[in-house]
């Protein structure tokens, strides 16, 4: 039996991007995180699982509280590193969508996906 804990479609605004002009104003990042746990949980014992608030705090810590990050791949890795600190984490999956990414013409939803395994 495996258990996953997740947070989908968490919309946060930050000043990140490869191009310097992306650092002039905040833009949206839609972030989803899924964490696979190592072992089963014990009813009533929050420390045997992962609190959803921990996932939000990991994202906030990276997107809201850090200097501009140029690559979404780096952003995902940093979010994952915060979550990996929990002992019961086996796998972390992070998806970051950047709906206002500078593209040559309208269309498409740019995203990256990152997976870490213990």
Protein backbone atom coordinates (compact mmCIF):
# COMPACT_ATOMS: atom_id res chain seq x y z
CA UNK A 1 0.00 0.00 0.00
CA UNK A 2 1.27 3.44 -0.86
CA UNK A 3 0.04 6.82 0.24
CA UNK A 4 0.51 10.11 -1.58
CA UNK A 5 -0.08 13.58 -0.21
CA UNK A 6 -0.48 16.47 -2.61
CA UNK A 7 -1.33 20.06 -3.30
CA UNK A 8 -2.62 20.85 -6.79
CA UNK A 9 -2.90 24.13 -8.64
CA UNK A 10 -1.46 26.38 -5.96
CA UNK A 11 -1.27 29.79 -7.65
CA UNK A 12 1.48 32.07 -6.37
CA UNK A 13 3.01 35.21 -7.84
CA UNK A 14 6.73 35.81 -7.94
CA UNK A 15 9.48 37.68 -9.71
CA UNK A 16 11.34 34.89 -11.49
CA UNK A 17 12.43 34.04 -15.00
CA UNK A 18 15.39 33.69 -17.30
CA UNK A 19 15.16 37.16 -18.84
CA UNK A 20 16.00 40.29 -16.85
CA UNK A 21 12.74 41.95 -17.91
CA UNK A 22 10.87 39.16 -16.11
CA UNK A 23 12.34 40.46 -12.86
CA UNK A 24 10.54 43.81 -13.19
CA UNK A 25 7.06 42.63 -12.22
CA UNK A 26 5.36 39.74 -10.51
CA UNK A 27 3.92 36.93 -12.62
CA UNK A 28 1.83 33.83 -11.83
CA UNK A 29 3.21 30.36 -11.22
CA UNK A 30 0.77 27.49 -10.88
CA UNK A 31 2.43 24.77 -8.80
CA UNK A 32 1.39 21.21 -8.04
CA UNK A 33 3.26 18.93 -5.65
CA UNK A 34 2.78 15.23 -4.92
CA UNK A 35 4.69 13.38 -2.23
CA UNK A 36 4.78 9.59 -1.92
CA UNK A 37 5.33 8.48 1.66
CA UNK A 38 7.74 5.75 2.73
CA UNK A 39 5.53 3.96 5.21
CA UNK A 40 1.98 3.69 6.37
CA UNK A 41 0.50 6.31 8.63
CA UNK A 42 -0.81 5.97 12.16
CA UNK A 43 -4.28 7.36 12.74
CA UNK A 44 -4.13 10.60 14.70
CA UNK A 45 -0.35 10.96 14.26
CA UNK A 46 0.37 13.91 11.95
CA UNK A 47 4.13 13.33 12.16
CA UNK A 48 3.70 9.98 10.34
CA UNK A 49 2.40 11.76 7.25
CA UNK A 50 2.97 15.15 5.65
CA UNK A 51 0.83 18.16 6.47
CA UNK A 52 -0.55 19.97 3.42
CA UNK A 53 0.58 23.22 5.01
CA UNK A 54 4.18 21.99 4.77
CA UNK A 55 3.77 21.81 1.01
CA UNK A 56 2.48 25.38 0.84
CA UNK A 57 5.29 26.60 3.08
CA UNK A 58 7.91 24.89 0.90
CA UNK A 59 6.52 26.60 -2.20
CA UNK A 60 6.17 29.98 -0.45
CA UNK A 61 9.71 29.77 0.87
CA UNK A 62 11.09 29.40 -2.65
CA UNK A 63 8.72 31.48 -4.77
CA UNK A 64 7.92 34.31 -2.37
CA UNK A 65 11.02 34.55 -0.21
CA UNK A 66 13.96 34.05 -2.58
CA UNK A 67 15.76 36.27 -5.04
CA UNK A 68 14.88 35.81 -8.71
CA UNK A 69 15.36 32.26 -9.91
CA UNK A 70 16.16 32.08 -13.61
CA UNK A 71 15.13 28.49 -14.39
CA UNK A 72 11.92 26.75 -13.35
CA UNK A 73 13.96 23.56 -13.07
CA UNK A 74 15.97 25.17 -10.26
CA UNK A 75 12.78 26.41 -8.62
CA UNK A 76 11.30 22.90 -8.62
CA UNK A 77 14.49 21.42 -7.22
CA UNK A 78 14.55 23.96 -4.37
CA UNK A 79 10.90 23.25 -3.52
CA UNK A 80 11.66 19.54 -3.50
CA UNK A 81 14.68 20.04 -1.21
CA UNK A 82 12.45 21.69 1.41
CA UNK A 83 10.03 18.75 1.30
CA UNK A 84 12.78 16.09 1.34
CA UNK A 85 13.69 17.14 4.88
CA UNK A 86 10.71 15.17 6.17
CA UNK A 87 11.79 11.64 7.11
CA UNK A 88 8.73 9.86 5.69
CA UNK A 89 9.22 11.13 2.13
CA UNK A 90 10.03 8.60 -0.58
CA UNK A 91 9.33 10.59 -3.74
CA UNK A 92 8.61 14.23 -4.55
CA UNK A 93 6.98 15.33 -7.79
CA UNK A 94 6.77 19.04 -8.64
CA UNK A 95 5.02 20.57 -11.65
CA UNK A 96 5.37 24.29 -12.31
CA UNK A 97 3.26 25.99 -14.95
CA UNK A 98 4.14 29.48 -16.12
CA UNK A 99 1.10 30.85 -18.00
CA UNK A 100 2.65 34.24 -18.74
CA UNK A 101 6.03 33.00 -19.96
CA UNK A 102 7.45 35.08 -22.80
CA UNK A 103 6.71 33.06 -25.94
CA UNK A 104 7.09 34.14 -29.58
CA UNK A 105 3.29 34.11 -30.04
CA UNK A 106 0.19 33.20 -27.99
CA UNK A 107 -0.63 29.58 -27.38
CA UNK A 108 0.35 26.71 -25.13
CA UNK A 109 1.04 26.37 -21.43
CA UNK A 110 4.74 26.21 -20.58
CA UNK A 111 5.63 23.90 -17.69
CA UNK A 112 8.36 21.78 -16.19
CA UNK A 113 8.10 18.62 -14.12
CA UNK A 114 10.65 17.45 -11.62
CA UNK A 115 10.83 14.16 -9.71
CA UNK A 116 13.12 13.26 -6.81
CA UNK A 117 13.43 9.74 -5.39
CA UNK A 118 15.04 8.75 -2.09
